[in-house]
């Protein structure tokens, strides 16, 4: 079963552009990881930057979470965030069409 993740990053004042640059650095590598279906960052209206992820399985997400890419990301953003990143794992509750009723 697929797993959807949101990771909300809270940039330090005046550092959002630097945070986004740091986050972009590893995205291409993650796109090549087994089971990665979506890994994209979004500028939220509340001033945060939210990463939305979709993984083919919890196992694929677990491998990603233990991988070097996450370690590099955490190191790259550590000096740019005001508080710890809020990471939430979710499982779809499908309704309607595959394209519209779930990520």
N, C-alpha and C. Protein backbone atom coordinates (compact mmCIF):
# COMPACT_ATOMS: atom_id res chain seq x y z
N UNK A 1 0.84 -1.18 0.00
CA UNK A 1 0.00 0.00 0.00
C UNK A 1 0.89 1.24 0.00
N UNK A 2 0.46 2.24 -0.74
CA UNK A 2 1.24 3.47 -0.81
C UNK A 2 1.21 4.24 0.51
N UNK A 3 2.23 5.07 0.68
CA UNK A 3 2.35 5.92 1.86
C UNK A 3 2.60 7.34 1.38
N UNK A 4 1.87 8.28 1.95
CA UNK A 4 2.05 9.70 1.64
C UNK A 4 2.66 10.36 2.87
N UNK A 5 3.59 11.27 2.63
CA UNK A 5 4.28 11.96 3.71
C UNK A 5 4.23 13.46 3.46
N UNK A 6 4.01 14.22 4.52
CA UNK A 6 4.26 15.65 4.47
C UNK A 6 5.37 15.96 5.46
N UNK A 7 6.27 16.82 5.04
CA UNK A 7 7.34 17.29 5.91
C UNK A 7 7.32 18.81 5.84
N UNK A 8 6.98 19.44 6.95
CA UNK A 8 6.83 20.90 7.00
C UNK A 8 8.09 21.50 7.61
N UNK A 9 8.74 22.35 6.84
CA UNK A 9 9.97 23.03 7.26
C UNK A 9 9.65 24.48 7.60
N UNK A 10 10.16 24.96 8.72
CA UNK A 10 9.91 26.32 9.21
C UNK A 10 11.19 27.13 9.06
N UNK A 11 11.33 27.90 7.96
CA UNK A 11 12.58 28.61 7.74
C UNK A 11 12.80 29.75 8.75
N UNK A 12 14.07 30.01 9.02
CA UNK A 12 14.41 31.18 9.82
C UNK A 12 14.00 32.43 9.04
N UNK A 13 13.69 33.52 9.72
CA UNK A 13 13.33 34.76 9.01
C UNK A 13 14.40 35.13 7.98
N UNK A 14 13.93 35.41 6.78
CA UNK A 14 14.82 35.84 5.70
C UNK A 14 15.63 34.73 5.06
N UNK A 15 15.40 33.46 5.43
CA UNK A 15 16.22 32.35 4.92
C UNK A 15 15.44 31.36 4.06
N UNK A 16 14.19 31.70 3.70
CA UNK A 16 13.38 30.74 2.93
C UNK A 16 14.04 30.39 1.60
N UNK A 17 14.55 31.36 0.87
CA UNK A 17 15.18 31.06 -0.42
C UNK A 17 16.39 30.14 -0.24
N UNK A 18 17.17 30.36 0.81
CA UNK A 18 18.31 29.50 1.09
C UNK A 18 17.84 28.08 1.43
N UNK A 19 16.77 27.99 2.19
CA UNK A 19 16.21 26.69 2.56
C UNK A 19 15.78 25.93 1.31
N UNK A 20 15.06 26.59 0.43
CA UNK A 20 14.59 25.95 -0.80
C UNK A 20 15.77 25.47 -1.64
N UNK A 21 16.80 26.30 -1.76
CA UNK A 21 17.99 25.91 -2.52
C UNK A 21 18.62 24.66 -1.90
N UNK A 22 18.74 24.63 -0.59
CA UNK A 22 19.31 23.48 0.09
C UNK A 22 18.46 22.24 -0.12
N UNK A 23 17.16 22.38 -0.10
CA UNK A 23 16.27 21.24 -0.28
C UNK A 23 16.32 20.71 -1.70
N UNK A 24 16.44 21.60 -2.67
CA UNK A 24 16.46 21.18 -4.08
C UNK A 24 17.68 20.34 -4.42
N UNK A 25 18.77 20.55 -3.70
CA UNK A 25 20.03 19.89 -4.03
C UNK A 25 19.92 18.37 -4.10
N UNK A 26 19.11 17.74 -3.27
CA UNK A 26 19.04 16.29 -3.25
C UNK A 26 17.82 15.67 -3.89
N UNK A 27 16.94 16.48 -4.40
CA UNK A 27 15.67 15.94 -4.91
C UNK A 27 15.87 14.98 -6.08
N UNK A 28 16.75 15.30 -7.02
CA UNK A 28 16.93 14.44 -8.19
C UNK A 28 17.39 13.04 -7.77
N UNK A 29 18.29 12.97 -6.80
CA UNK A 29 18.76 11.66 -6.33
C UNK A 29 17.62 10.86 -5.71
N UNK A 30 16.77 11.52 -4.94
CA UNK A 30 15.65 10.83 -4.30
C UNK A 30 14.67 10.33 -5.36
N UNK A 31 14.46 11.10 -6.43
CA UNK A 31 13.55 10.66 -7.49
C UNK A 31 13.98 9.32 -8.07
N UNK A 32 15.27 8.99 -7.99
CA UNK A 32 15.77 7.72 -8.50
C UNK A 32 15.71 6.58 -7.51
N UNK A 33 15.28 6.86 -6.27
CA UNK A 33 15.21 5.80 -5.27
C UNK A 33 14.04 4.85 -5.56
N UNK A 34 14.27 3.59 -5.25
CA UNK A 34 13.25 2.56 -5.42
C UNK A 34 12.00 2.93 -4.62
N UNK A 35 10.85 2.96 -5.30
CA UNK A 35 9.58 3.20 -4.63
C UNK A 35 9.16 4.65 -4.54
N UNK A 36 10.01 5.59 -4.96
CA UNK A 36 9.64 7.00 -4.91
C UNK A 36 8.69 7.34 -6.05
N UNK A 37 7.48 7.74 -5.71
CA UNK A 37 6.48 8.11 -6.72
C UNK A 37 6.28 9.62 -6.78
N UNK A 38 6.58 10.32 -5.69
CA UNK A 38 6.46 11.78 -5.65
C UNK A 38 7.36 12.28 -4.54
N UNK A 39 8.10 13.34 -4.84
CA UNK A 39 8.98 13.97 -3.85
C UNK A 39 9.12 15.40 -4.32
N UNK A 40 8.29 16.29 -3.78
CA UNK A 40 8.20 17.65 -4.32
C UNK A 40 8.01 18.66 -3.19
N UNK A 41 8.65 19.83 -3.36
CA UNK A 41 8.52 20.87 -2.34
C UNK A 41 7.56 21.95 -2.81
N UNK A 42 6.90 22.58 -1.82
CA UNK A 42 5.87 23.58 -2.09
C UNK A 42 6.02 24.75 -1.13
N UNK A 43 5.83 25.93 -1.64
CA UNK A 43 5.85 27.16 -0.84
C UNK A 43 4.46 27.36 -0.26
N UNK A 44 4.33 27.27 1.05
CA UNK A 44 3.02 27.39 1.69
C UNK A 44 2.76 28.84 2.10
N UNK A 45 1.50 29.23 2.08
CA UNK A 45 1.14 30.61 2.37
C UNK A 45 1.41 31.02 3.82
N UNK A 46 1.63 30.05 4.70
CA UNK A 46 1.93 30.39 6.10
C UNK A 46 3.42 30.64 6.33
N UNK A 47 4.22 30.64 5.25
CA UNK A 47 5.64 30.92 5.37
C UNK A 47 6.51 29.69 5.48
N UNK A 48 5.89 28.52 5.57
CA UNK A 48 6.65 27.28 5.63
C UNK A 48 6.92 26.75 4.23
N UNK A 49 7.79 25.76 4.16
CA UNK A 49 8.02 25.02 2.93
C UNK A 49 7.62 23.59 3.22
N UNK A 50 6.72 23.03 2.42
CA UNK A 50 6.20 21.70 2.66
C UNK A 50 6.65 20.75 1.56
N UNK A 51 7.22 19.62 1.98
CA UNK A 51 7.57 18.57 1.05
C UNK A 51 6.43 17.56 1.08
N UNK A 52 5.97 17.19 -0.09
CA UNK A 52 4.94 16.16 -0.21
C UNK A 52 5.58 14.98 -0.91
N UNK A 53 5.46 13.82 -0.28
CA UNK A 53 6.08 12.61 -0.80
C UNK A 53 5.03 11.52 -0.97
N UNK A 54 5.29 10.65 -1.92
CA UNK A 54 4.47 9.45 -2.08
C UNK A 54 5.41 8.29 -2.37
N UNK A 55 5.24 7.23 -1.59
CA UNK A 55 6.10 6.06 -1.70
C UNK A 55 5.26 4.84 -2.01
N UNK A 56 5.81 3.91 -2.78
CA UNK A 56 5.08 2.72 -3.19
C UNK A 56 4.73 1.82 -2.01
N UNK A 57 5.54 1.90 -0.94
CA UNK A 57 5.28 1.07 0.23
C UNK A 57 5.95 1.68 1.45
N UNK A 58 5.52 1.22 2.62
CA UNK A 58 6.16 1.66 3.86
C UNK A 58 7.61 1.20 3.90
N UNK A 59 7.88 0.04 3.32
CA UNK A 59 9.25 -0.47 3.29
C UNK A 59 10.16 0.45 2.47
N UNK A 60 9.68 0.91 1.31
CA UNK A 60 10.47 1.82 0.49
C UNK A 60 10.72 3.14 1.23
N UNK A 61 9.71 3.63 1.93
CA UNK A 61 9.88 4.85 2.71
C UNK A 61 10.88 4.63 3.84
N UNK A 62 10.82 3.48 4.49
CA UNK A 62 11.75 3.19 5.57
C UNK A 62 13.20 3.19 5.07
N UNK A 63 13.42 2.58 3.90
CA UNK A 63 14.77 2.56 3.31
C UNK A 63 15.21 3.99 3.03
N UNK A 64 14.34 4.79 2.43
CA UNK A 64 14.64 6.19 2.16
C UNK A 64 14.97 6.93 3.45
N UNK A 65 14.17 6.73 4.48
CA UNK A 65 14.35 7.46 5.74
C UNK A 65 15.69 7.16 6.40
N UNK A 66 16.22 5.97 6.18
CA UNK A 66 17.51 5.59 6.75
C UNK A 66 18.67 5.92 5.82
N UNK A 67 18.37 6.39 4.62
CA UNK A 67 19.39 6.59 3.60
C UNK A 67 20.24 7.84 3.78
N UNK A 68 21.30 7.87 3.01
CA UNK A 68 22.24 8.98 3.06
C UNK A 68 21.59 10.29 2.64
N UNK A 69 20.66 10.23 1.69
CA UNK A 69 20.03 11.46 1.20
C UNK A 69 19.31 12.24 2.28
N UNK A 70 18.62 11.54 3.17
CA UNK A 70 17.92 12.20 4.26
C UNK A 70 18.92 12.81 5.23
N UNK A 71 20.00 12.11 5.47
CA UNK A 71 21.04 12.64 6.34
C UNK A 71 21.66 13.90 5.79
N UNK A 72 21.92 13.90 4.48
CA UNK A 72 22.47 15.09 3.83
C UNK A 72 21.47 16.24 3.90
N UNK A 73 20.20 15.95 3.59
CA UNK A 73 19.16 16.99 3.65
C UNK A 73 19.09 17.59 5.05
N UNK A 74 19.04 16.75 6.07
CA UNK A 74 18.94 17.26 7.43
C UNK A 74 20.14 18.13 7.78
N UNK A 75 21.32 17.73 7.35
CA UNK A 75 22.50 18.54 7.61
C UNK A 75 22.47 19.86 6.86
N UNK A 76 22.01 19.82 5.61
CA UNK A 76 21.96 21.03 4.78
C UNK A 76 20.97 22.07 5.29
N UNK A 77 19.89 21.62 5.91
CA UNK A 77 18.84 22.57 6.34
C UNK A 77 18.94 22.95 7.81
N UNK A 78 19.77 22.27 8.57
CA UNK A 78 19.80 22.47 10.04
C UNK A 78 19.98 23.93 10.45
N UNK A 79 20.83 24.65 9.76
CA UNK A 79 21.10 26.05 10.13
C UNK A 79 20.10 27.02 9.51
N UNK A 80 19.13 26.49 8.78
CA UNK A 80 18.17 27.34 8.06
C UNK A 80 16.75 27.25 8.60
N UNK A 81 16.52 26.37 9.57
CA UNK A 81 15.16 26.21 10.09
C UNK A 81 15.06 26.67 11.54
N UNK A 82 13.88 27.20 11.86
CA UNK A 82 13.63 27.79 13.18
C UNK A 82 13.18 26.76 14.20
N UNK A 83 12.68 25.64 13.74
CA UNK A 83 12.19 24.60 14.65
C UNK A 83 12.26 23.27 13.93
N UNK A 84 12.15 22.17 14.66
CA UNK A 84 12.24 20.86 14.01
C UNK A 84 11.16 20.68 12.94
N UNK A 85 11.54 19.96 11.91
CA UNK A 85 10.61 19.66 10.82
C UNK A 85 9.51 18.74 11.33
N UNK A 86 8.28 19.03 10.93
CA UNK A 86 7.13 18.21 11.29
C UNK A 86 6.88 17.21 10.17
N UNK A 87 7.10 15.93 10.45
CA UNK A 87 6.94 14.88 9.44
C UNK A 87 5.72 14.04 9.82
N UNK A 88 4.82 13.86 8.84
CA UNK A 88 3.60 13.09 9.07
C UNK A 88 3.45 12.04 7.99
N UNK A 89 3.34 10.77 8.39
CA UNK A 89 3.06 9.67 7.46
C UNK A 89 1.55 9.45 7.40
N UNK A 90 1.07 9.20 6.19
CA UNK A 90 -0.36 8.98 6.00
C UNK A 90 -0.59 7.82 5.04
N UNK A 91 -1.66 7.10 5.22
CA UNK A 91 -2.08 6.09 4.26
C UNK A 91 -3.38 6.57 3.61
N UNK A 92 -3.48 6.39 2.30
CA UNK A 92 -4.65 6.86 1.59
C UNK A 92 -5.94 6.17 2.05
N UNK A 93 -7.00 6.91 2.01
CA UNK A 93 -8.35 6.39 2.19
C UNK A 93 -9.07 6.67 0.88
N UNK A 94 -8.83 5.83 -0.14
CA UNK A 94 -9.31 6.10 -1.50
C UNK A 94 -10.82 6.28 -1.58
N UNK A 95 -11.22 7.21 -2.46
CA UNK A 95 -12.63 7.47 -2.73
C UNK A 95 -12.70 8.02 -4.15
N UNK A 96 -13.61 7.55 -4.92
CA UNK A 96 -13.76 8.05 -6.28
C UNK A 96 -12.72 7.43 -7.22
N UNK A 97 -12.27 8.22 -8.19
CA UNK A 97 -11.35 7.70 -9.19
C UNK A 97 -9.93 7.62 -8.63
N UNK A 98 -9.10 6.78 -9.25
CA UNK A 98 -7.70 6.67 -8.83
C UNK A 98 -6.99 8.01 -8.96
N UNK A 99 -7.26 8.73 -10.03
CA UNK A 99 -6.59 10.00 -10.28
C UNK A 99 -7.04 11.13 -9.39
N UNK A 100 -8.26 11.07 -8.89
CA UNK A 100 -8.78 12.17 -8.08
C UNK A 100 -9.03 11.81 -6.63
N UNK A 101 -9.14 10.54 -6.32
CA UNK A 101 -9.51 10.14 -4.98
C UNK A 101 -8.37 9.77 -4.07
N UNK A 102 -7.14 9.89 -4.59
CA UNK A 102 -5.96 9.61 -3.77
C UNK A 102 -4.73 10.14 -4.47
N UNK A 103 -3.71 10.41 -3.69
CA UNK A 103 -2.43 10.79 -4.29
C UNK A 103 -1.75 9.56 -4.82
